[in-house]
PDB file of N, CA and C in Angstrom:
ATOM      1  N   UNK A   1      36.263 179.690 122.000  1.00  0.00           N
ATOM      2  CA  UNK A   1      36.563 180.006 123.366  1.00  0.00           C
ATOM      3  C   UNK A   1      35.489 179.424 124.273  1.00  0.00           C
ATOM      4  N   UNK A   2      35.793 179.416 125.555  1.00  0.00           N
ATOM      5  CA  UNK A   2      34.875 178.885 126.533  1.00  0.00           C
ATOM      6  C   UNK A   2      33.871 179.953 126.934  1.00  0.00           C
ATOM      7  N   UNK A   3      32.679 179.556 127.342  1.00  0.00           N
ATOM      8  CA  UNK A   3      31.738 180.567 127.821  1.00  0.00           C
ATOM      9  C   UNK A   3      32.267 181.199 129.102  1.00  0.00           C
ATOM     10  N   UNK A   4      32.056 182.487 129.247  1.00  0.00           N
ATOM     11  CA  UNK A   4      32.578 183.183 130.419  1.00  0.00           C
ATOM     12  C   UNK A   4      31.623 183.006 131.590  1.00  0.00           C
ATOM     13  N   UNK A   5      32.173 182.806 132.790  1.00  0.00           N
ATOM     14  CA  UNK A   5      31.324 182.710 133.975  1.00  0.00           C
ATOM     15  C   UNK A   5      30.597 184.031 134.205  1.00  0.00           C
ATOM     16  N   UNK A   6      29.499 183.999 134.961  1.00  0.00           N
ATOM     17  CA  UNK A   6      28.701 185.208 135.172  1.00  0.00           C
ATOM     18  C   UNK A   6      29.486 186.352 135.805  1.00  0.00           C
ATOM     19  N   UNK A   7      30.434 186.052 136.703  1.00  0.00           N
ATOM     20  CA  UNK A   7      31.181 187.119 137.357  1.00  0.00           C
ATOM     21  C   UNK A   7      32.067 187.855 136.365  1.00  0.00           C
ATOM     22  N   UNK A   8      32.690 187.127 135.453  1.00  0.00           N
ATOM     23  CA  UNK A   8      33.541 187.777 134.462  1.00  0.00           C
ATOM     24  C   UNK A   8      32.714 188.518 133.426  1.00  0.00           C
ATOM     25  N   UNK A   9      31.531 187.987 133.115  1.00  0.00           N
ATOM     26  CA  UNK A   9      30.662 188.662 132.150  1.00  0.00           C
ATOM     27  C   UNK A   9      30.182 189.999 132.704  1.00  0.00           C
ATOM     28  N   UNK A  10      29.878 190.039 133.992  1.00  0.00           N
ATOM     29  CA  UNK A  10      29.440 191.304 134.582  1.00  0.00           C
ATOM     30  C   UNK A  10      30.598 192.292 134.667  1.00  0.00           C
ATOM     31  N   UNK A  11      31.804 191.796 134.921  1.00  0.00           N
ATOM     32  CA  UNK A  11      32.971 192.673 134.963  1.00  0.00           C
ATOM     33  C   UNK A  11      33.288 193.214 133.577  1.00  0.00           C
ATOM     34  N   UNK A  12      33.065 192.402 132.557  1.00  0.00           N
ATOM     35  CA  UNK A  12      33.344 192.816 131.187  1.00  0.00           C
ATOM     36  C   UNK A  12      32.402 193.927 130.738  1.00  0.00           C
ATOM     37  N   UNK A  13      31.153 193.882 131.211  1.00  0.00           N
ATOM     38  CA  UNK A  13      30.198 194.915 130.815  1.00  0.00           C
ATOM     39  C   UNK A  13      30.515 196.261 131.456  1.00  0.00           C
ATOM     40  N   UNK A  14      31.255 196.265 132.572  1.00  0.00           N
ATOM     41  CA  UNK A  14      31.575 197.503 133.272  1.00  0.00           C
ATOM     42  C   UNK A  14      32.840 198.173 132.745  1.00  0.00           C
ATOM     43  N   UNK A  15      33.568 197.503 131.858  1.00  0.00           N
ATOM     44  CA  UNK A  15      34.824 198.050 131.346  1.00  0.00           C
ATOM     45  C   UNK A  15      34.527 199.202 130.395  1.00  0.00           C
ATOM     46  N   UNK A  16      35.196 200.308 130.613  1.00  0.00           N
ATOM     47  CA  UNK A  16      35.042 201.438 129.695  1.00  0.00           C
ATOM     48  C   UNK A  16      36.427 201.852 129.208  1.00  0.00           C
ATOM     49  N   UNK A  17      37.054 200.983 128.458  1.00  0.00           N
ATOM     50  CA  UNK A  17      38.368 201.288 127.913  1.00  0.00           C
ATOM     51  C   UNK A  17      38.208 201.698 126.459  1.00  0.00           C
ATOM     52  N   UNK A  18      39.134 202.470 125.932  1.00  0.00           N
ATOM     53  CA  UNK A  18      39.015 202.864 124.535  1.00  0.00           C
ATOM     54  C   UNK A  18      39.200 201.690 123.574  1.00  0.00           C
ATOM     55  N   UNK A  19      39.835 200.625 124.027  1.00  0.00           N
ATOM     56  CA  UNK A  19      40.065 199.466 123.172  1.00  0.00           C
ATOM     57  C   UNK A  19      39.611 198.219 123.918  1.00  0.00           C
ATOM     58  N   UNK A  20      38.302 198.025 123.986  1.00  0.00           N
ATOM     59  CA  UNK A  20      37.720 196.959 124.778  1.00  0.00           C
ATOM     60  C   UNK A  20      38.103 195.574 124.265  1.00  0.00           C
ATOM     61  N   UNK A  21      38.407 195.468 122.976  1.00  0.00           N
ATOM     62  CA  UNK A  21      38.758 194.175 122.391  1.00  0.00           C
ATOM     63  C   UNK A  21      39.988 193.567 123.058  1.00  0.00           C
ATOM     64  N   UNK A  22      40.861 194.402 123.629  1.00  0.00           N
ATOM     65  CA  UNK A  22      42.067 193.891 124.263  1.00  0.00           C
ATOM     66  C   UNK A  22      41.753 193.084 125.517  1.00  0.00           C
ATOM     67  N   UNK A  23      40.557 193.214 126.074  1.00  0.00           N
ATOM     68  CA  UNK A  23      40.164 192.437 127.247  1.00  0.00           C
ATOM     69  C   UNK A  23      39.699 191.032 126.875  1.00  0.00           C
ATOM     70  N   UNK A  24      39.466 190.784 125.584  1.00  0.00           N
ATOM     71  CA  UNK A  24      38.905 189.507 125.151  1.00  0.00           C
ATOM     72  C   UNK A  24      39.960 188.554 124.625  1.00  0.00           C
ATOM     73  N   UNK A  25      41.209 188.836 124.861  1.00  0.00           N
ATOM     74  CA  UNK A  25      42.288 187.969 124.406  1.00  0.00           C
ATOM     75  C   UNK A  25      43.550 188.264 125.190  1.00  0.00           C
ATOM     76  N   UNK A  26      44.658 187.658 124.770  1.00  0.00           N
ATOM     77  CA  UNK A  26      45.949 187.898 125.395  1.00  0.00           C
ATOM     78  C   UNK A  26      46.687 188.946 124.567  1.00  0.00           C
ATOM     79  N   UNK A  27      46.497 190.213 124.898  1.00  0.00           N
ATOM     80  CA  UNK A  27      47.080 191.298 124.124  1.00  0.00           C
ATOM     81  C   UNK A  27      48.344 191.855 124.768  1.00  0.00           C
ATOM     82  N   UNK A  28      48.666 191.444 125.979  1.00  0.00           N
ATOM     83  CA  UNK A  28      49.882 191.831 126.705  1.00  0.00           C
ATOM     84  C   UNK A  28      50.052 193.351 126.756  1.00  0.00           C
ATOM     85  N   UNK A  29      48.965 194.057 127.023  1.00  0.00           N
ATOM     86  CA  UNK A  29      49.022 195.499 127.198  1.00  0.00           C
ATOM     87  C   UNK A  29      48.967 196.305 125.911  1.00  0.00           C
ATOM     88  N   UNK A  30      48.909 195.660 124.759  1.00  0.00           N
ATOM     89  CA  UNK A  30      48.859 196.395 123.490  1.00  0.00           C
ATOM     90  C   UNK A  30      47.449 196.917 123.260  1.00  0.00           C
ATOM     91  N   UNK A  31      47.351 198.185 122.830  1.00  0.00           N
ATOM     92  CA  UNK A  31      46.061 198.789 122.551  1.00  0.00           C
ATOM     93  C   UNK A  31      46.139 199.540 121.226  1.00  0.00           C
ATOM     94  N   UNK A  32      45.064 200.194 120.889  1.00  0.00           N
ATOM     95  CA  UNK A  32      45.011 201.022 119.693  1.00  0.00           C
ATOM     96  C   UNK A  32      45.894 202.253 119.903  1.00  0.00           C
ATOM     97  N   UNK A  33      46.661 202.624 118.868  1.00  0.00           N
ATOM     98  CA  UNK A  33      47.481 203.822 118.929  1.00  0.00           C
ATOM     99  C   UNK A  33      46.932 204.871 117.973  1.00  0.00           C
ATOM    100  N   UNK A  34      47.097 206.123 118.339  1.00  0.00           N
ATOM    101  CA  UNK A  34      46.583 207.226 117.546  1.00  0.00           C
ATOM    102  C   UNK A  34      47.732 208.086 117.045  1.00  0.00           C
ATOM    103  N   UNK A  35      47.544 208.681 115.871  1.00  0.00           N
ATOM    104  CA  UNK A  35      48.563 209.562 115.315  1.00  0.00           C
ATOM    105  C   UNK A  35      48.039 210.277 114.089  1.00  0.00           C
ATOM    106  N   UNK A  36      48.958 210.770 113.281  1.00  0.00           N
ATOM    107  CA  UNK A  36      48.605 211.531 112.095  1.00  0.00           C
ATOM    108  C   UNK A  36      49.232 210.925 110.854  1.00  0.00           C
ATOM    109  N   UNK A  37      48.514 210.996 109.729  1.00  0.00           N
ATOM    110  CA  UNK A  37      49.120 210.813 108.420  1.00  0.00           C
ATOM    111  C   UNK A  37      49.705 212.163 108.024  1.00  0.00           C
ATOM    112  N   UNK A  38      50.969 212.187 107.644  1.00  0.00           N
ATOM    113  CA  UNK A  38      51.613 213.443 107.274  1.00  0.00           C
ATOM    114  C   UNK A  38      52.202 213.294 105.871  1.00  0.00           C
ATOM    115  N   UNK A  39      51.523 213.827 104.849  1.00  0.00           N
ATOM    116  CA  UNK A  39      52.065 213.759 103.491  1.00  0.00           C
ATOM    117  C   UNK A  39      53.088 214.876 103.253  1.00  0.00           C
ATOM    118  N   UNK A  40      53.541 214.983 102.034  1.00  0.00           N
ATOM    119  CA  UNK A  40      54.544 215.984 101.675  1.00  0.00           C
ATOM    120  C   UNK A  40      54.033 217.413 101.902  1.00  0.00           C
ATOM    121  N   UNK A  41      52.713 217.607 101.748  1.00  0.00           N
ATOM    122  CA  UNK A  41      52.143 218.945 101.931  1.00  0.00           C
ATOM    123  C   UNK A  41      51.963 219.320 103.402  1.00  0.00           C
ATOM    124  N   UNK A  42      52.275 218.393 104.297  1.00  0.00           N
ATOM    125  CA  UNK A  42      52.179 218.608 105.753  1.00  0.00           C
ATOM    126  C   UNK A  42      50.744 218.803 106.244  1.00  0.00           C
ATOM    127  N   UNK A  43      49.744 218.392 105.455  1.00  0.00           N
ATOM    128  CA  UNK A  43      48.345 218.469 105.872  1.00  0.00           C
ATOM    129  C   UNK A  43      48.030 217.210 106.680  1.00  0.00           C
ATOM    130  N   UNK A  44      47.955 217.335 108.016  1.00  0.00           N
ATOM    131  CA  UNK A  44      47.822 216.185 108.898  1.00  0.00           C
ATOM    132  C   UNK A  44      46.371 215.720 108.993  1.00  0.00           C
ATOM    133  N   UNK A  45      46.169 214.421 108.913  1.00  0.00           N
ATOM    134  CA  UNK A  45      44.856 213.814 109.132  1.00  0.00           C
ATOM    135  C   UNK A  45      45.017 212.710 110.158  1.00  0.00           C
ATOM    136  N   UNK A  46      44.032 212.572 111.044  1.00  0.00           N
ATOM    137  CA  UNK A  46      44.101 211.594 112.133  1.00  0.00           C
ATOM    138  C   UNK A  46      43.945 210.179 111.593  1.00  0.00           C
ATOM    139  N   UNK A  47      44.622 209.249 112.254  1.00  0.00           N
ATOM    140  CA  UNK A  47      44.483 207.841 111.908  1.00  0.00           C
ATOM    141  C   UNK A  47      44.795 206.997 113.138  1.00  0.00           C
ATOM    142  N   UNK A  48      44.516 205.695 113.049  1.00  0.00           N
ATOM    143  CA  UNK A  48      44.787 204.782 114.156  1.00  0.00           C
ATOM    144  C   UNK A  48      45.592 203.593 113.657  1.00  0.00           C
ATOM    145  N   UNK A  49      46.330 202.985 114.579  1.00  0.00           N
ATOM    146  CA  UNK A  49      47.052 201.749 114.304  1.00  0.00           C
ATOM    147  C   UNK A  49      46.518 200.696 115.273  1.00  0.00           C
ATOM    148  N   UNK A  50      46.147 199.542 114.722  1.00  0.00           N
ATOM    149  CA  UNK A  50      45.649 198.440 115.541  1.00  0.00           C
ATOM    150  C   UNK A  50      46.773 197.454 115.825  1.00  0.00           C
ATOM    151  N   UNK A  51      46.719 196.743 116.949  1.00  0.00           N
ATOM    152  CA  UNK A  51      47.752 195.751 117.238  1.00  0.00           C
ATOM    153  C   UNK A  51      47.668 194.570 116.272  1.00  0.00           C
ATOM    154  N   UNK A  52      48.777 193.867 116.144  1.00  0.00           N
ATOM    155  CA  UNK A  52      48.897 192.718 115.253  1.00  0.00           C
ATOM    156  C   UNK A  52      48.285 191.499 115.951  1.00  0.00           C
ATOM    157  N   UNK A  53      47.014 191.210 115.682  1.00  0.00           N
ATOM    158  CA  UNK A  53      46.261 190.185 116.404  1.00  0.00           C
ATOM    159  C   UNK A  53      46.104 188.937 115.541  1.00  0.00           C
ATOM    160  N   UNK A  54      46.331 187.776 116.166  1.00  0.00           N
ATOM    161  CA  UNK A  54      46.167 186.487 115.500  1.00  0.00           C
ATOM    162  C   UNK A  54      45.355 185.564 116.392  1.00  0.00           C
ATOM    163  N   UNK A  55      44.667 184.618 115.786  1.00  0.00           N
ATOM    164  CA  UNK A  55      43.981 183.574 116.541  1.00  0.00           C
ATOM    165  C   UNK A  55      44.851 182.321 116.507  1.00  0.00           C
ATOM    166  N   UNK A  56      45.220 181.817 117.674  1.00  0.00           N
ATOM    167  CA  UNK A  56      46.124 180.680 117.771  1.00  0.00           C
ATOM    168  C   UNK A  56      45.547 179.634 118.719  1.00  0.00           C
ATOM    169  N   UNK A  57      45.978 178.401 118.519  1.00  0.00           N
ATOM    170  CA  UNK A  57      45.698 177.328 119.474  1.00  0.00           C
ATOM    171  C   UNK A  57      46.970 177.045 120.232  1.00  0.00           C
ATOM    172  N   UNK A  58      46.920 177.234 121.527  1.00  0.00           N
ATOM    173  CA  UNK A  58      48.079 177.021 122.381  1.00  0.00           C
ATOM    174  C   UNK A  58      47.848 175.792 123.241  1.00  0.00           C
ATOM    175  N   UNK A  59      48.855 174.948 123.346  1.00  0.00           N
ATOM    176  CA  UNK A  59      48.746 173.725 124.134  1.00  0.00           C
ATOM    177  C   UNK A  59      48.981 174.044 125.600  1.00  0.00           C
ATOM    178  N   UNK A  60      48.006 173.706 126.424  1.00  0.00           N
ATOM    179  CA  UNK A  60      48.109 173.912 127.863  1.00  0.00           C
ATOM    180  C   UNK A  60      48.318 172.559 128.535  1.00  0.00           C
ATOM    181  N   UNK A  61      49.464 172.414 129.202  1.00  0.00           N
ATOM    182  CA  UNK A  61      49.746 171.161 129.898  1.00  0.00           C
ATOM    183  C   UNK A  61      48.863 171.004 131.130  1.00  0.00           C
ATOM    184  N   UNK A  62      48.579 172.100 131.822  1.00  0.00           N
ATOM    185  CA  UNK A  62      47.768 172.035 133.039  1.00  0.00           C
ATOM    186  C   UNK A  62      46.317 171.679 132.731  1.00  0.00           C
ATOM    187  N   UNK A  63      45.770 172.231 131.651  1.00  0.00           N
ATOM    188  CA  UNK A  63      44.373 171.971 131.305  1.00  0.00           C
ATOM    189  C   UNK A  63      44.208 170.654 130.556  1.00  0.00           C
ATOM    190  N   UNK A  64      45.258 170.197 129.883  1.00  0.00           N
ATOM    191  CA  UNK A  64      45.195 168.929 129.171  1.00  0.00           C
ATOM    192  C   UNK A  64      44.597 169.028 127.776  1.00  0.00           C
ATOM    193  N   UNK A  65      44.395 170.214 127.259  1.00  0.00           N
ATOM    194  CA  UNK A  65      43.874 170.385 125.904  1.00  0.00           C
ATOM    195  C   UNK A  65      44.346 171.718 125.348  1.00  0.00           C
ATOM    196  N   UNK A  66      44.070 171.932 124.070  1.00  0.00           N
ATOM    197  CA  UNK A  66      44.452 173.190 123.426  1.00  0.00           C
ATOM    198  C   UNK A  66      43.481 174.301 123.807  1.00  0.00           C
ATOM    199  N   UNK A  67      43.998 175.514 123.882  1.00  0.00           N
ATOM    200  CA  UNK A  67      43.205 176.692 124.184  1.00  0.00           C
ATOM    201  C   UNK A  67      43.254 177.592 122.956  1.00  0.00           C
ATOM    202  N   UNK A  68      42.096 177.893 122.367  1.00  0.00           N
ATOM    203  CA  UNK A  68      42.030 178.785 121.215  1.00  0.00           C
ATOM    204  C   UNK A  68      41.799 180.199 121.728  1.00  0.00           C
ATOM    205  N   UNK A  69      42.735 181.087 121.394  1.00  0.00           N
ATOM    206  CA  UNK A  69      42.686 182.433 121.958  1.00  0.00           C
ATOM    207  C   UNK A  69      43.223 183.431 120.932  1.00  0.00           C
ATOM    208  N   UNK A  70      42.698 184.666 120.993  1.00  0.00           N
ATOM    209  CA  UNK A  70      43.240 185.758 120.186  1.00  0.00           C
ATOM    210  C   UNK A  70      44.387 186.379 120.966  1.00  0.00           C
ATOM    211  N   UNK A  71      45.510 186.585 120.290  1.00  0.00           N
ATOM    212  CA  UNK A  71      46.659 187.165 120.954  1.00  0.00           C
ATOM    213  C   UNK A  71      47.481 187.995 119.987  1.00  0.00           C
ATOM    214  N   UNK A  72      48.275 188.904 120.543  1.00  0.00           N
ATOM    215  CA  UNK A  72      49.156 189.721 119.728  1.00  0.00           C
ATOM    216  C   UNK A  72      50.489 189.008 119.564  1.00  0.00           C
ATOM    217  N   UNK A  73      51.276 189.475 118.598  1.00  0.00           N
ATOM    218  CA  UNK A  73      52.583 188.864 118.388  1.00  0.00           C
ATOM    219  C   UNK A  73      53.499 189.123 119.580  1.00  0.00           C
ATOM    220  N   UNK A  74      53.319 190.246 120.260  1.00  0.00           N
ATOM    221  CA  UNK A  74      54.105 190.507 121.465  1.00  0.00           C
ATOM    222  C   UNK A  74      53.789 189.482 122.558  1.00  0.00           C
ATOM    223  N   UNK A  75      52.502 189.157 122.722  1.00  0.00           N
ATOM    224  CA  UNK A  75      52.121 188.150 123.709  1.00  0.00           C
ATOM    225  C   UNK A  75      52.660 186.780 123.312  1.00  0.00           C
ATOM    226  N   UNK A  76      52.660 186.466 122.016  1.00  0.00           N
ATOM    227  CA  UNK A  76      53.176 185.181 121.549  1.00  0.00           C
ATOM    228  C   UNK A  76      54.670 185.064 121.826  1.00  0.00           C
ATOM    229  N   UNK A  77      55.416 186.139 121.615  1.00  0.00           N
ATOM    230  CA  UNK A  77      56.847 186.127 121.920  1.00  0.00           C
ATOM    231  C   UNK A  77      57.082 185.946 123.420  1.00  0.00           C
ATOM    232  N   UNK A  78      56.241 186.568 124.243  1.00  0.00           N
ATOM    233  CA  UNK A  78      56.386 186.444 125.690  1.00  0.00           C
ATOM    234  C   UNK A  78      56.021 185.041 126.155  1.00  0.00           C
ATOM    235  N   UNK A  79      55.023 184.422 125.521  1.00  0.00           N
ATOM    236  CA  UNK A  79      54.655 183.040 125.851  1.00  0.00           C
ATOM    237  C   UNK A  79      55.814 182.104 125.536  1.00  0.00           C
ATOM    238  N   UNK A  80      56.459 182.299 124.394  1.00  0.00           N
ATOM    239  CA  UNK A  80      57.628 181.482 124.051  1.00  0.00           C
ATOM    240  C   UNK A  80      58.764 181.697 125.044  1.00  0.00           C
ATOM    241  N   UNK A  81      58.944 182.937 125.485  1.00  0.00           N
ATOM    242  CA  UNK A  81      60.004 183.262 126.445  1.00  0.00           C
ATOM    243  C   UNK A  81      59.770 182.567 127.785  1.00  0.00           C
ATOM    244  N   UNK A  82      58.504 182.540 128.236  1.00  0.00           N
ATOM    245  CA  UNK A  82      58.179 181.915 129.524  1.00  0.00           C
ATOM    246  C   UNK A  82      58.119 180.393 129.437  1.00  0.00           C
ATOM    247  N   UNK A  83      58.115 179.838 128.244  1.00  0.00           N
ATOM    248  CA  UNK A  83      58.132 178.384 128.110  1.00  0.00           C
ATOM    249  C   UNK A  83      56.752 177.755 128.050  1.00  0.00           C
ATOM    250  N   UNK A  84      55.751 178.468 127.616  1.00  0.00           N
ATOM    251  CA  UNK A  84      54.415 177.901 127.476  1.00  0.00           C
ATOM    252  C   UNK A  84      53.353 178.825 128.031  1.00  0.00           C
ATOM    253  N   UNK A  85      52.119 178.531 127.636  1.00  0.00           N
ATOM    254  CA  UNK A  85      51.015 179.403 128.024  1.00  0.00           C
ATOM    255  C   UNK A  85      50.721 179.309 129.520  1.00  0.00           C
ATOM    256  N   UNK A  86      50.953 178.153 130.138  1.00  0.00           N
ATOM    257  CA  UNK A  86      50.677 178.014 131.576  1.00  0.00           C
ATOM    258  C   UNK A  86      51.602 178.909 132.403  1.00  0.00           C
ATOM    259  N   UNK A  87      52.890 178.874 132.108  1.00  0.00           N
ATOM    260  CA  UNK A  87      53.840 179.731 132.833  1.00  0.00           C
ATOM    261  C   UNK A  87      53.566 181.198 132.564  1.00  0.00           C
ATOM    262  N   UNK A  88      53.199 181.531 131.334  1.00  0.00           N
ATOM    263  CA  UNK A  88      52.885 182.920 130.992  1.00  0.00           C
ATOM    264  C   UNK A  88      51.708 183.425 131.820  1.00  0.00           C
ATOM    265  N   UNK A  89      50.650 182.616 131.918  1.00  0.00           N
ATOM    266  CA  UNK A  89      49.462 183.041 132.658  1.00  0.00           C
ATOM    267  C   UNK A  89      49.747 183.203 134.146  1.00  0.00           C
ATOM    268  N   UNK A  90      50.604 182.358 134.694  1.00  0.00           N
ATOM    269  CA  UNK A  90      50.876 182.412 136.122  1.00  0.00           C
ATOM    270  C   UNK A  90      51.874 183.508 136.493  1.00  0.00           C
ATOM    271  N   UNK A  91      52.773 183.888 135.579  1.00  0.00           N
ATOM    272  CA  UNK A  91      53.829 184.851 135.899  1.00  0.00           C
ATOM    273  C   UNK A  91      53.512 186.291 135.514  1.00  0.00           C
ATOM    274  N   UNK A  92      52.592 186.502 134.593  1.00  0.00           N
ATOM    275  CA  UNK A  92      52.344 187.839 134.067  1.00  0.00           C
ATOM    276  C   UNK A  92      51.442 188.632 135.003  1.00  0.00           C
ATOM    277  N   UNK A  93      51.662 189.964 135.042  1.00  0.00           N
ATOM    278  CA  UNK A  93      50.844 190.846 135.877  1.00  0.00           C
ATOM    279  C   UNK A  93      49.394 190.829 135.393  1.00  0.00           C
ATOM    280  N   UNK A  94      48.440 190.930 136.310  1.00  0.00           N
ATOM    281  CA  UNK A  94      47.021 190.891 135.918  1.00  0.00           C
ATOM    282  C   UNK A  94      46.607 192.012 134.980  1.00  0.00           C
ATOM    283  N   UNK A  95      47.213 193.199 135.096  1.00  0.00           N
ATOM    284  CA  UNK A  95      46.794 194.295 134.222  1.00  0.00           C
ATOM    285  C   UNK A  95      47.235 194.080 132.776  1.00  0.00           C
ATOM    286  N   UNK A  96      48.204 193.201 132.533  1.00  0.00           N
ATOM    287  CA  UNK A  96      48.615 192.878 131.168  1.00  0.00           C
ATOM    288  C   UNK A  96      47.798 191.732 130.578  1.00  0.00           C
ATOM    289  N   UNK A  97      47.137 190.953 131.437  1.00  0.00           N
ATOM    290  CA  UNK A  97      46.390 189.788 130.951  1.00  0.00           C
ATOM    291  C   UNK A  97      45.004 190.144 130.429  1.00  0.00           C
ATOM    292  N   UNK A  98      44.295 191.022 131.096  1.00  0.00           N
ATOM    293  CA  UNK A  98      42.925 191.321 130.711  1.00  0.00           C
ATOM    294  C   UNK A  98      41.955 190.289 131.275  1.00  0.00           C
ATOM    295  N   UNK A  99      40.690 190.417 130.902  1.00  0.00           N
ATOM    296  CA  UNK A  99      39.638 189.543 131.437  1.00  0.00           C
ATOM    297  C   UNK A  99      39.838 188.096 130.991  1.00  0.00           C
ATOM    298  N   UNK A 100      40.106 187.887 129.704  1.00  0.00           N
ATOM    299  CA  UNK A 100      40.271 186.521 129.186  1.00  0.00           C
ATOM    300  C   UNK A 100      41.504 185.853 129.786  1.00  0.00           C
ATOM    301  N   UNK A 101      42.577 186.592 129.937  1.00  0.00           N
ATOM    302  CA  UNK A 101      43.777 186.043 130.553  1.00  0.00           C
ATOM    303  C   UNK A 101      43.558 185.662 132.008  1.00  0.00           C
ATOM    304  N   UNK A 102      42.806 186.481 132.721  1.00  0.00           N
ATOM    305  CA  UNK A 102      42.514 186.158 134.118  1.00  0.00           C
ATOM    306  C   UNK A 102      41.608 184.936 134.224  1.00  0.00           C
ATOM    307  N   UNK A 103      40.675 184.801 133.277  1.00  0.00           N
ATOM    308  CA  UNK A 103      39.813 183.614 133.264  1.00  0.00           C
ATOM    309  C   UNK A 103      40.652 182.351 133.047  1.00  0.00           C
ATOM    310  N   UNK A 104      41.593 182.416 132.116  1.00  0.00           N
ATOM    311  CA  UNK A 104      42.465 181.274 131.857  1.00  0.00           C
ATOM    312  C   UNK A 104      43.400 181.010 133.032  1.00  0.00           C
ATOM    313  N   UNK A 105      43.854 182.079 133.699  1.00  0.00           N
ATOM    314  CA  UNK A 105      44.726 181.904 134.865  1.00  0.00           C
ATOM    315  C   UNK A 105      43.989 181.153 135.978  1.00  0.00           C
ATOM    316  N   UNK A 106      42.726 181.489 136.184  1.00  0.00           N
ATOM    317  CA  UNK A 106      41.934 180.800 137.207  1.00  0.00           C
ATOM    318  C   UNK A 106      41.787 179.326 136.871  1.00  0.00           C
ATOM    319  N   UNK A 107      41.529 179.013 135.595  1.00  0.00           N
ATOM    320  CA  UNK A 107      41.403 177.615 135.171  1.00  0.00           C
ATOM    321  C   UNK A 107      42.700 176.857 135.366  1.00  0.00           C
ATOM    322  N   UNK A 108      43.840 177.485 135.078  1.00  0.00           N
ATOM    323  CA  UNK A 108      45.140 176.808 135.227  1.00  0.00           C
ATOM    324  C   UNK A 108      45.458 176.603 136.699  1.00  0.00           C
ATOM    325  N   UNK A 109      45.165 177.585 137.550  1.00  0.00           N
ATOM    326  CA  UNK A 109      45.450 177.445 138.980  1.00  0.00           C
ATOM    327  C   UNK A 109      44.602 176.366 139.634  1.00  0.00           C
ATOM    328  N   UNK A 110      43.380 176.146 139.153  1.00  0.00           N
ATOM    329  CA  UNK A 110      42.502 175.140 139.744  1.00  0.00           C
ATOM    330  C   UNK A 110      42.992 173.732 139.506  1.00  0.00           C
ATOM    331  N   UNK A 111      43.782 173.526 138.453  1.00  0.00           N
ATOM    332  CA  UNK A 111      44.253 172.167 138.141  1.00  0.00           C
ATOM    333  C   UNK A 111      45.671 171.936 138.530  1.00  0.00           C
TER     334      UNK A 111
END
């Protein structure tokens, strides 16, 4: 990934979300989920489910090179639906993009 500008780095340090990792990639709003393991004896124990995260290289026509980013399968399906990573970054709501998505959106808009 690219080094983050100082403004985004300072914003990243102020984030106090339960799943901070979702700000460092294109997670499309997916976060950690909480629940219980329930066996036959009905003795419940707490557990968590993590999103399905992959590292992919996506071709950006606006930037002229590939962008290596961590993303969830839901974000990958949405990128395919929008017709590429550039359209996805420009059309998606900022609260679904996170810090890394907003950084990429700024780079795409500049070109």
